[in-house]
PDB file of N, CA and C in Angstrom:
ATOM      1  N   MET A   1     -13.579 -58.925   9.143  1.00  0.00           N
ATOM      2  CA  MET A   1     -14.526 -58.202   8.316  1.00  0.00           C
ATOM      3  C   MET A   1     -13.734 -57.317   7.360  1.00  0.00           C
ATOM      4  N   PRO A   2     -13.891 -57.508   6.065  1.00  0.00           N
ATOM      5  CA  PRO A   2     -13.150 -56.729   5.074  1.00  0.00           C
ATOM      6  C   PRO A   2     -13.727 -55.315   4.943  1.00  0.00           C
ATOM      7  N   ILE A   3     -12.848 -54.396   4.572  1.00  0.00           N
ATOM      8  CA  ILE A   3     -13.260 -53.015   4.340  1.00  0.00           C
ATOM      9  C   ILE A   3     -13.782 -52.917   2.915  1.00  0.00           C
ATOM     10  N   SER A   4     -14.940 -52.307   2.766  1.00  0.00           N
ATOM     11  CA  SER A   4     -15.561 -52.241   1.443  1.00  0.00           C
ATOM     12  C   SER A   4     -14.911 -51.157   0.587  1.00  0.00           C
ATOM     13  N   LEU A   5     -14.989 -51.357  -0.700  1.00  0.00           N
ATOM     14  CA  LEU A   5     -14.428 -50.403  -1.661  1.00  0.00           C
ATOM     15  C   LEU A   5     -15.117 -49.039  -1.585  1.00  0.00           C
ATOM     16  N   PRO A   6     -16.439 -48.963  -1.492  1.00  0.00           N
ATOM     17  CA  PRO A   6     -17.083 -47.650  -1.364  1.00  0.00           C
ATOM     18  C   PRO A   6     -16.637 -46.902  -0.101  1.00  0.00           C
ATOM     19  N   PHE A   7     -16.445 -47.641   0.994  1.00  0.00           N
ATOM     20  CA  PHE A   7     -15.977 -47.019   2.232  1.00  0.00           C
ATOM     21  C   PHE A   7     -14.579 -46.440   2.047  1.00  0.00           C
ATOM     22  N   MET A   8     -13.704 -47.186   1.390  1.00  0.00           N
ATOM     23  CA  MET A   8     -12.335 -46.721   1.138  1.00  0.00           C
ATOM     24  C   MET A   8     -12.338 -45.490   0.233  1.00  0.00           C
ATOM     25  N   ASN A   9     -13.197 -45.518  -0.788  1.00  0.00           N
ATOM     26  CA  ASN A   9     -13.293 -44.361  -1.689  1.00  0.00           C
ATOM     27  C   ASN A   9     -13.778 -43.120  -0.945  1.00  0.00           C
ATOM     28  N   GLU A  10     -14.738 -43.315  -0.061  1.00  0.00           N
ATOM     29  CA  GLU A  10     -15.261 -42.193   0.713  1.00  0.00           C
ATOM     30  C   GLU A  10     -14.175 -41.596   1.611  1.00  0.00           C
ATOM     31  N   LYS A  11     -13.417 -42.446   2.274  1.00  0.00           N
ATOM     32  CA  LYS A  11     -12.337 -41.971   3.147  1.00  0.00           C
ATOM     33  C   LYS A  11     -11.232 -41.294   2.337  1.00  0.00           C
ATOM     34  N   LEU A  12     -10.923 -41.836   1.172  1.00  0.00           N
ATOM     35  CA  LEU A  12      -9.913 -41.229   0.310  1.00  0.00           C
ATOM     36  C   LEU A  12     -10.356 -39.835  -0.131  1.00  0.00           C
ATOM     37  N   LEU A  13     -11.625 -39.700  -0.501  1.00  0.00           N
ATOM     38  CA  LEU A  13     -12.146 -38.390  -0.897  1.00  0.00           C
ATOM     39  C   LEU A  13     -12.077 -37.397   0.260  1.00  0.00           C
ATOM     40  N   GLU A  14     -12.372 -37.851   1.469  1.00  0.00           N
ATOM     41  CA  GLU A  14     -12.278 -36.972   2.635  1.00  0.00           C
ATOM     42  C   GLU A  14     -10.847 -36.482   2.834  1.00  0.00           C
ATOM     43  N   VAL A  15      -9.882 -37.380   2.685  1.00  0.00           N
ATOM     44  CA  VAL A  15      -8.471 -37.016   2.844  1.00  0.00           C
ATOM     45  C   VAL A  15      -8.051 -36.036   1.753  1.00  0.00           C
ATOM     46  N   LEU A  16      -8.468 -36.292   0.512  1.00  0.00           N
ATOM     47  CA  LEU A  16      -8.115 -35.397  -0.595  1.00  0.00           C
ATOM     48  C   LEU A  16      -8.729 -34.007  -0.400  1.00  0.00           C
ATOM     49  N   LYS A  17      -9.966 -33.964   0.080  1.00  0.00           N
ATOM     50  CA  LYS A  17     -10.610 -32.673   0.337  1.00  0.00           C
ATOM     51  C   LYS A  17      -9.883 -31.918   1.448  1.00  0.00           C
ATOM     52  N   ALA A  18      -9.479 -32.631   2.484  1.00  0.00           N
ATOM     53  CA  ALA A  18      -8.738 -31.996   3.579  1.00  0.00           C
ATOM     54  C   ALA A  18      -7.406 -31.454   3.073  1.00  0.00           C
ATOM     55  N   GLN A  19      -6.726 -32.213   2.229  1.00  0.00           N
ATOM     56  CA  GLN A  19      -5.463 -31.745   1.647  1.00  0.00           C
ATOM     57  C   GLN A  19      -5.690 -30.502   0.792  1.00  0.00           C
ATOM     58  N   GLN A  20      -6.764 -30.520   0.027  1.00  0.00           N
ATOM     59  CA  GLN A  20      -7.060 -29.374  -0.828  1.00  0.00           C
ATOM     60  C   GLN A  20      -7.359 -28.131   0.013  1.00  0.00           C
ATOM     61  N   ARG A  21      -8.107 -28.292   1.103  1.00  0.00           N
ATOM     62  CA  ARG A  21      -8.382 -27.156   1.989  1.00  0.00           C
ATOM     63  C   ARG A  21      -7.088 -26.594   2.567  1.00  0.00           C
ATOM     64  N   LEU A  22      -6.175 -27.472   2.981  1.00  0.00           N
ATOM     65  CA  LEU A  22      -4.885 -27.020   3.508  1.00  0.00           C
ATOM     66  C   LEU A  22      -4.073 -26.291   2.446  1.00  0.00           C
ATOM     67  N   ALA A  23      -4.109 -26.789   1.215  1.00  0.00           N
ATOM     68  CA  ALA A  23      -3.364 -26.141   0.132  1.00  0.00           C
ATOM     69  C   ALA A  23      -3.927 -24.747  -0.144  1.00  0.00           C
ATOM     70  N   VAL A  24      -5.236 -24.606  -0.120  1.00  0.00           N
ATOM     71  CA  VAL A  24      -5.863 -23.302  -0.349  1.00  0.00           C
ATOM     72  C   VAL A  24      -5.514 -22.345   0.790  1.00  0.00           C
ATOM     73  N   LYS A  25      -5.577 -22.831   2.037  1.00  0.00           N
ATOM     74  CA  LYS A  25      -5.211 -21.984   3.182  1.00  0.00           C
ATOM     75  C   LYS A  25      -3.759 -21.535   3.084  1.00  0.00           C
ATOM     76  N   ALA A  26      -2.878 -22.426   2.658  1.00  0.00           N
ATOM     77  CA  ALA A  26      -1.460 -22.070   2.515  1.00  0.00           C
ATOM     78  C   ALA A  26      -1.280 -21.023   1.418  1.00  0.00           C
ATOM     79  N   ALA A  27      -1.991 -21.182   0.305  1.00  0.00           N
ATOM     80  CA  ALA A  27      -1.884 -20.215  -0.793  1.00  0.00           C
ATOM     81  C   ALA A  27      -2.381 -18.837  -0.349  1.00  0.00           C
ATOM     82  N   VAL A  28      -3.462 -18.802   0.404  1.00  0.00           N
ATOM     83  CA  VAL A  28      -3.991 -17.533   0.910  1.00  0.00           C
ATOM     84  C   VAL A  28      -2.999 -16.904   1.888  1.00  0.00           C
ATOM     85  N   ALA A  29      -2.407 -17.716   2.758  1.00  0.00           N
ATOM     86  CA  ALA A  29      -1.425 -17.195   3.719  1.00  0.00           C
ATOM     87  C   ALA A  29      -0.216 -16.608   2.998  1.00  0.00           C
ATOM     88  N   VAL A  30       0.239 -17.268   1.944  1.00  0.00           N
ATOM     89  CA  VAL A  30       1.370 -16.747   1.167  1.00  0.00           C
ATOM     90  C   VAL A  30       1.002 -15.414   0.528  1.00  0.00           C
ATOM     91  N   ALA A  31      -0.192 -15.323  -0.039  1.00  0.00           N
ATOM     92  CA  ALA A  31      -0.627 -14.076  -0.676  1.00  0.00           C
ATOM     93  C   ALA A  31      -0.726 -12.941   0.346  1.00  0.00           C
ATOM     94  N   VAL A  32      -1.279 -13.219   1.513  1.00  0.00           N
ATOM     95  CA  VAL A  32      -1.410 -12.199   2.560  1.00  0.00           C
ATOM     96  C   VAL A  32      -0.034 -11.737   3.021  1.00  0.00           C
ATOM     97  N   ASN A  33       0.875 -12.663   3.236  1.00  0.00           N
ATOM     98  CA  ASN A  33       2.224 -12.291   3.680  1.00  0.00           C
ATOM     99  C   ASN A  33       2.971 -11.509   2.609  1.00  0.00           C
ATOM    100  N   THR A  34       2.757 -11.843   1.355  1.00  0.00           N
ATOM    101  CA  THR A  34       3.388 -11.101   0.265  1.00  0.00           C
ATOM    102  C   THR A  34       2.900  -9.653   0.260  1.00  0.00           C
ATOM    103  N   ILE A  35       1.611  -9.470   0.462  1.00  0.00           N
ATOM    104  CA  ILE A  35       1.046  -8.119   0.506  1.00  0.00           C
ATOM    105  C   ILE A  35       1.608  -7.350   1.694  1.00  0.00           C
ATOM    106  N   LYS A  36       1.678  -7.987   2.853  1.00  0.00           N
ATOM    107  CA  LYS A  36       2.232  -7.318   4.040  1.00  0.00           C
ATOM    108  C   LYS A  36       3.700  -6.966   3.828  1.00  0.00           C
ATOM    109  N   PHE A  37       4.441  -7.857   3.191  1.00  0.00           N
ATOM    110  CA  PHE A  37       5.857  -7.625   2.926  1.00  0.00           C
ATOM    111  C   PHE A  37       6.037  -6.448   1.969  1.00  0.00           C
ATOM    112  N   THR A  38       5.134  -6.305   1.012  1.00  0.00           N
ATOM    113  CA  THR A  38       5.191  -5.222   0.034  1.00  0.00           C
ATOM    114  C   THR A  38       4.736  -3.896   0.643  1.00  0.00           C
ATOM    115  N   ASN A  39       3.832  -3.950   1.600  1.00  0.00           N
ATOM    116  CA  ASN A  39       3.226  -2.739   2.152  1.00  0.00           C
ATOM    117  C   ASN A  39       4.220  -1.854   2.901  1.00  0.00           C
ATOM    118  N   ALA A  40       5.110  -2.437   3.681  1.00  0.00           N
ATOM    119  CA  ALA A  40       6.032  -1.631   4.505  1.00  0.00           C
ATOM    120  C   ALA A  40       6.948  -0.744   3.652  1.00  0.00           C
ATOM    121  N   PRO A  41       7.653  -1.298   2.653  1.00  0.00           N
ATOM    122  CA  PRO A  41       8.490  -0.416   1.821  1.00  0.00           C
ATOM    123  C   PRO A  41       7.659   0.598   1.033  1.00  0.00           C
ATOM    124  N   LEU A  42       6.480   0.196   0.601  1.00  0.00           N
ATOM    125  CA  LEU A  42       5.617   1.113  -0.140  1.00  0.00           C
ATOM    126  C   LEU A  42       5.210   2.288   0.744  1.00  0.00           C
ATOM    127  N   GLN A  43       4.854   2.018   1.985  1.00  0.00           N
ATOM    128  CA  GLN A  43       4.454   3.088   2.899  1.00  0.00           C
ATOM    129  C   GLN A  43       5.619   4.038   3.169  1.00  0.00           C
ATOM    130  N   ARG A  44       6.840   3.499   3.329  1.00  0.00           N
ATOM    131  CA  ARG A  44       8.011   4.361   3.528  1.00  0.00           C
ATOM    132  C   ARG A  44       8.251   5.229   2.297  1.00  0.00           C
ATOM    133  N   ASN A  45       8.102   4.641   1.117  1.00  0.00           N
ATOM    134  CA  ASN A  45       8.293   5.382  -0.129  1.00  0.00           C
ATOM    135  C   ASN A  45       7.249   6.493  -0.261  1.00  0.00           C
ATOM    136  N   LEU A  46       6.010   6.200   0.080  1.00  0.00           N
ATOM    137  CA  LEU A  46       4.958   7.214   0.012  1.00  0.00           C
ATOM    138  C   LEU A  46       5.223   8.348   1.000  1.00  0.00           C
ATOM    139  N   LYS A  47       5.729   8.018   2.184  1.00  0.00           N
ATOM    140  CA  LYS A  47       6.055   9.054   3.170  1.00  0.00           C
ATOM    141  C   LYS A  47       7.163   9.959   2.643  1.00  0.00           C
ATOM    142  N   THR A  48       8.184   9.357   2.031  1.00  0.00           N
ATOM    143  CA  THR A  48       9.285  10.139   1.452  1.00  0.00           C
ATOM    144  C   THR A  48       8.774  11.050   0.348  1.00  0.00           C
ATOM    145  N   LYS A  49       7.932  10.522  -0.522  1.00  0.00           N
ATOM    146  CA  LYS A  49       7.390  11.321  -1.628  1.00  0.00           C
ATOM    147  C   LYS A  49       6.514  12.461  -1.113  1.00  0.00           C
ATOM    148  N   ALA A  50       5.748  12.213  -0.059  1.00  0.00           N
ATOM    149  CA  ALA A  50       4.916  13.273   0.514  1.00  0.00           C
ATOM    150  C   ALA A  50       5.791  14.397   1.060  1.00  0.00           C
ATOM    151  N   GLU A  51       6.889  14.028   1.723  1.00  0.00           N
ATOM    152  CA  GLU A  51       7.813  15.047   2.236  1.00  0.00           C
ATOM    153  C   GLU A  51       8.466  15.819   1.092  1.00  0.00           C
ATOM    154  N   GLU A  52       8.814  15.116   0.017  1.00  0.00           N
ATOM    155  CA  GLU A  52       9.405  15.787  -1.144  1.00  0.00           C
ATOM    156  C   GLU A  52       8.418  16.777  -1.759  1.00  0.00           C
ATOM    157  N   LEU A  53       7.152  16.377  -1.869  1.00  0.00           N
ATOM    158  CA  LEU A  53       6.130  17.281  -2.413  1.00  0.00           C
ATOM    159  C   LEU A  53       5.953  18.512  -1.530  1.00  0.00           C
ATOM    160  N   GLU A  54       5.935  18.299  -0.233  1.00  0.00           N
ATOM    161  CA  GLU A  54       5.790  19.425   0.691  1.00  0.00           C
ATOM    162  C   GLU A  54       6.976  20.382   0.561  1.00  0.00           C
ATOM    163  N   ASN A  55       8.184  19.840   0.526  1.00  0.00           N
ATOM    164  CA  ASN A  55       9.376  20.684   0.386  1.00  0.00           C
ATOM    165  C   ASN A  55       9.383  21.418  -0.949  1.00  0.00           C
ATOM    166  N   TYR A  56       8.955  20.740  -2.008  1.00  0.00           N
ATOM    167  CA  TYR A  56       8.912  21.380  -3.326  1.00  0.00           C
ATOM    168  C   TYR A  56       7.943  22.561  -3.311  1.00  0.00           C
ATOM    169  N   ALA A  57       6.750  22.336  -2.750  1.00  0.00           N
ATOM    170  CA  ALA A  57       5.746  23.409  -2.731  1.00  0.00           C
ATOM    171  C   ALA A  57       6.204  24.582  -1.874  1.00  0.00           C
ATOM    172  N   LYS A  58       6.817  24.287  -0.729  1.00  0.00           N
ATOM    173  CA  LYS A  58       7.205  25.360   0.194  1.00  0.00           C
ATOM    174  C   LYS A  58       8.457  26.100  -0.249  1.00  0.00           C
ATOM    175  N   LYS A  59       9.363  25.432  -0.927  1.00  0.00           N
ATOM    176  CA  LYS A  59      10.646  26.068  -1.246  1.00  0.00           C
ATOM    177  C   LYS A  59      10.809  26.320  -2.742  1.00  0.00           C
ATOM    178  N   THR A  60      10.969  25.262  -3.510  1.00  0.00           N
ATOM    179  CA  THR A  60      11.289  25.407  -4.932  1.00  0.00           C
ATOM    180  C   THR A  60      10.183  26.131  -5.690  1.00  0.00           C
ATOM    181  N   TYR A  61       8.949  25.630  -5.593  1.00  0.00           N
ATOM    182  CA  TYR A  61       7.845  26.243  -6.333  1.00  0.00           C
ATOM    183  C   TYR A  61       7.572  27.653  -5.822  1.00  0.00           C
ATOM    184  N   SER A  62       7.661  27.835  -4.520  1.00  0.00           N
ATOM    185  CA  SER A  62       7.459  29.163  -3.937  1.00  0.00           C
ATOM    186  C   SER A  62       8.466  30.159  -4.503  1.00  0.00           C
ATOM    187  N   GLN A  63       9.717  29.756  -4.586  1.00  0.00           N
ATOM    188  CA  GLN A  63      10.761  30.635  -5.125  1.00  0.00           C
ATOM    189  C   GLN A  63      10.508  30.922  -6.606  1.00  0.00           C
ATOM    190  N   ASN A  64      10.159  29.887  -7.364  1.00  0.00           N
ATOM    191  CA  ASN A  64       9.924  30.064  -8.799  1.00  0.00           C
ATOM    192  C   ASN A  64       8.737  30.981  -9.077  1.00  0.00           C
ATOM    193  N   ILE A  65       7.665  30.823  -8.315  1.00  0.00           N
ATOM    194  CA  ILE A  65       6.466  31.625  -8.573  1.00  0.00           C
ATOM    195  C   ILE A  65       6.684  33.077  -8.154  1.00  0.00           C
ATOM    196  N   THR A  66       7.412  33.305  -7.060  1.00  0.00           N
ATOM    197  CA  THR A  66       7.635  34.686  -6.623  1.00  0.00           C
ATOM    198  C   THR A  66       8.614  35.405  -7.540  1.00  0.00           C
ATOM    199  N   ASP A  67       9.469  34.653  -8.229  1.00  0.00           N
ATOM    200  CA  ASP A  67      10.353  35.286  -9.211  1.00  0.00           C
ATOM    201  C   ASP A  67       9.551  35.845 -10.381  1.00  0.00           C
ATOM    202  N   GLY A  68       8.412  35.222 -10.676  1.00  0.00           N
ATOM    203  CA  GLY A  68       7.592  35.661 -11.802  1.00  0.00           C
ATOM    204  C   GLY A  68       6.539  36.680 -11.423  1.00  0.00           C
ATOM    205  N   LEU A  69       6.345  36.920 -10.144  1.00  0.00           N
ATOM    206  CA  LEU A  69       5.335  37.877  -9.687  1.00  0.00           C
ATOM    207  C   LEU A  69       6.011  39.038  -8.963  1.00  0.00           C
ATOM    208  N   GLU A  70       5.237  40.099  -8.778  1.00  0.00           N
ATOM    209  CA  GLU A  70       5.776  41.278  -8.082  1.00  0.00           C
ATOM    210  C   GLU A  70       4.804  41.737  -7.011  1.00  0.00           C
ATOM    211  N   GLY A  71       5.315  42.429  -6.038  1.00  0.00           N
ATOM    212  CA  GLY A  71       4.494  43.098  -5.031  1.00  0.00           C
ATOM    213  C   GLY A  71       3.648  42.160  -4.203  1.00  0.00           C
ATOM    214  N   GLN A  72       2.367  42.585  -4.042  1.00  0.00           N
ATOM    215  CA  GLN A  72       1.452  41.831  -3.188  1.00  0.00           C
ATOM    216  C   GLN A  72       1.171  40.437  -3.735  1.00  0.00           C
ATOM    217  N   ALA A  73       1.133  40.299  -5.046  1.00  0.00           N
ATOM    218  CA  ALA A  73       0.880  38.984  -5.639  1.00  0.00           C
ATOM    219  C   ALA A  73       1.992  38.013  -5.256  1.00  0.00           C
ATOM    220  N   ALA A  74       3.228  38.474  -5.303  1.00  0.00           N
ATOM    221  CA  ALA A  74       4.365  37.628  -4.936  1.00  0.00           C
ATOM    222  C   ALA A  74       4.305  37.278  -3.455  1.00  0.00           C
ATOM    223  N   THR A  75       3.976  38.263  -2.628  1.00  0.00           N
ATOM    224  CA  THR A  75       3.889  38.031  -1.185  1.00  0.00           C
ATOM    225  C   THR A  75       2.762  37.061  -0.857  1.00  0.00           C
ATOM    226  N   ALA A  76       1.608  37.261  -1.493  1.00  0.00           N
ATOM    227  CA  ALA A  76       0.461  36.384  -1.244  1.00  0.00           C
ATOM    228  C   ALA A  76       0.762  34.954  -1.686  1.00  0.00           C
ATOM    229  N   ALA A  77       1.393  34.808  -2.845  1.00  0.00           N
ATOM    230  CA  ALA A  77       1.738  33.471  -3.333  1.00  0.00           C
ATOM    231  C   ALA A  77       2.720  32.791  -2.390  1.00  0.00           C
ATOM    232  N   LYS A  78       3.713  33.540  -1.941  1.00  0.00           N
ATOM    233  CA  LYS A  78       4.712  32.971  -1.034  1.00  0.00           C
ATOM    234  C   LYS A  78       4.074  32.576   0.297  1.00  0.00           C
ATOM    235  N   ASP A  79       3.193  33.429   0.819  1.00  0.00           N
ATOM    236  CA  ASP A  79       2.507  33.114   2.077  1.00  0.00           C
ATOM    237  C   ASP A  79       1.634  31.869   1.935  1.00  0.00           C
ATOM    238  N   TYR A  80       0.893  31.806   0.834  1.00  0.00           N
ATOM    239  CA  TYR A  80       0.017  30.657   0.610  1.00  0.00           C
ATOM    240  C   TYR A  80       0.825  29.366   0.499  1.00  0.00           C
ATOM    241  N   LEU A  81       1.887  29.406  -0.288  1.00  0.00           N
ATOM    242  CA  LEU A  81       2.683  28.197  -0.490  1.00  0.00           C
ATOM    243  C   LEU A  81       3.450  27.783   0.760  1.00  0.00           C
ATOM    244  N   SER A  82       3.758  28.725   1.630  1.00  0.00           N
ATOM    245  CA  SER A  82       4.463  28.368   2.865  1.00  0.00           C
ATOM    246  C   SER A  82       3.550  27.618   3.834  1.00  0.00           C
ATOM    247  N   LYS A  83       2.237  27.729   3.619  1.00  0.00           N
ATOM    248  CA  LYS A  83       1.273  27.063   4.497  1.00  0.00           C
ATOM    249  C   LYS A  83       0.796  25.722   3.945  1.00  0.00           C
ATOM    250  N   VAL A  84       1.316  25.320   2.809  1.00  0.00           N
ATOM    251  CA  VAL A  84       0.906  24.047   2.216  1.00  0.00           C
ATOM    252  C   VAL A  84       1.343  22.917   3.142  1.00  0.00           C
ATOM    253  N   SER A  85       0.404  22.041   3.453  1.00  0.00           N
ATOM    254  CA  SER A  85       0.732  20.938   4.355  1.00  0.00           C
ATOM    255  C   SER A  85       1.173  19.709   3.562  1.00  0.00           C
ATOM    256  N   LYS A  86       1.776  18.802   4.286  1.00  0.00           N
ATOM    257  CA  LYS A  86       2.250  17.566   3.662  1.00  0.00           C
ATOM    258  C   LYS A  86       1.041  16.742   3.228  1.00  0.00           C
ATOM    259  N   PRO A  87       1.019  16.261   1.988  1.00  0.00           N
ATOM    260  CA  PRO A  87      -0.116  15.458   1.540  1.00  0.00           C
ATOM    261  C   PRO A  87      -0.156  14.107   2.256  1.00  0.00           C
ATOM    262  N   GLU A  88      -1.353  13.591   2.424  1.00  0.00           N
ATOM    263  CA  GLU A  88      -1.526  12.280   3.042  1.00  0.00           C
ATOM    264  C   GLU A  88      -1.549  11.226   1.938  1.00  0.00           C
ATOM    265  N   LEU A  89      -0.434  10.599   1.719  1.00  0.00           N
ATOM    266  CA  LEU A  89      -0.346   9.532   0.730  1.00  0.00           C
ATOM    267  C   LEU A  89      -0.374   8.209   1.478  1.00  0.00           C
ATOM    268  N   THR A  90      -1.438   7.457   1.287  1.00  0.00           N
ATOM    269  CA  THR A  90      -1.555   6.183   1.988  1.00  0.00           C
ATOM    270  C   THR A  90      -1.543   5.039   0.995  1.00  0.00           C
ATOM    271  N   SER A  91      -1.033   3.952   1.439  1.00  0.00           N
ATOM    272  CA  SER A  91      -0.937   2.763   0.604  1.00  0.00           C
ATOM    273  C   SER A  91      -2.327   2.180   0.367  1.00  0.00           C
ATOM    274  N   PRO A  92      -2.606   1.738  -0.844  1.00  0.00           N
ATOM    275  CA  PRO A  92      -3.892   1.091  -1.089  1.00  0.00           C
ATOM    276  C   PRO A  92      -3.948  -0.314  -0.489  1.00  0.00           C
ATOM    277  N   LEU A  93      -2.799  -0.816  -0.039  1.00  0.00           N
ATOM    278  CA  LEU A  93      -2.749  -2.141   0.572  1.00  0.00           C
ATOM    279  C   LEU A  93      -3.117  -2.035   2.041  1.00  0.00           C
ATOM    280  N   ARG A  94      -3.945  -2.942   2.495  1.00  0.00           N
ATOM    281  CA  ARG A  94      -4.325  -2.957   3.906  1.00  0.00           C
ATOM    282  C   ARG A  94      -3.409  -3.906   4.662  1.00  0.00           C
ATOM    283  N   ASN A  95      -3.193  -3.590   5.935  1.00  0.00           N
ATOM    284  CA  ASN A  95      -2.365  -4.473   6.771  1.00  0.00           C
ATOM    285  C   ASN A  95      -3.137  -5.673   7.229  1.00  0.00           C
TER     286      ASN A  95
END
């Protein structure tokens, strides 16, 4: 019994669709892994920058502002800036 041409075309289309689905899944996996690969260094960089901002506010900016102020204003500014907490800088990329 010979295999009909419409049957062969149908099976070929099924195989091509399956290949296309695999190609799309592979492309999505590559994109997800690229984002994950980018996220780790970005998060470390954001943590470093947050620490730099905290140190700047507590030390450098505090010193600069108190040099320009006198008395209670200088003391209040220094006290306020010494209590500045580290900013929460989070990556916009999700894991």
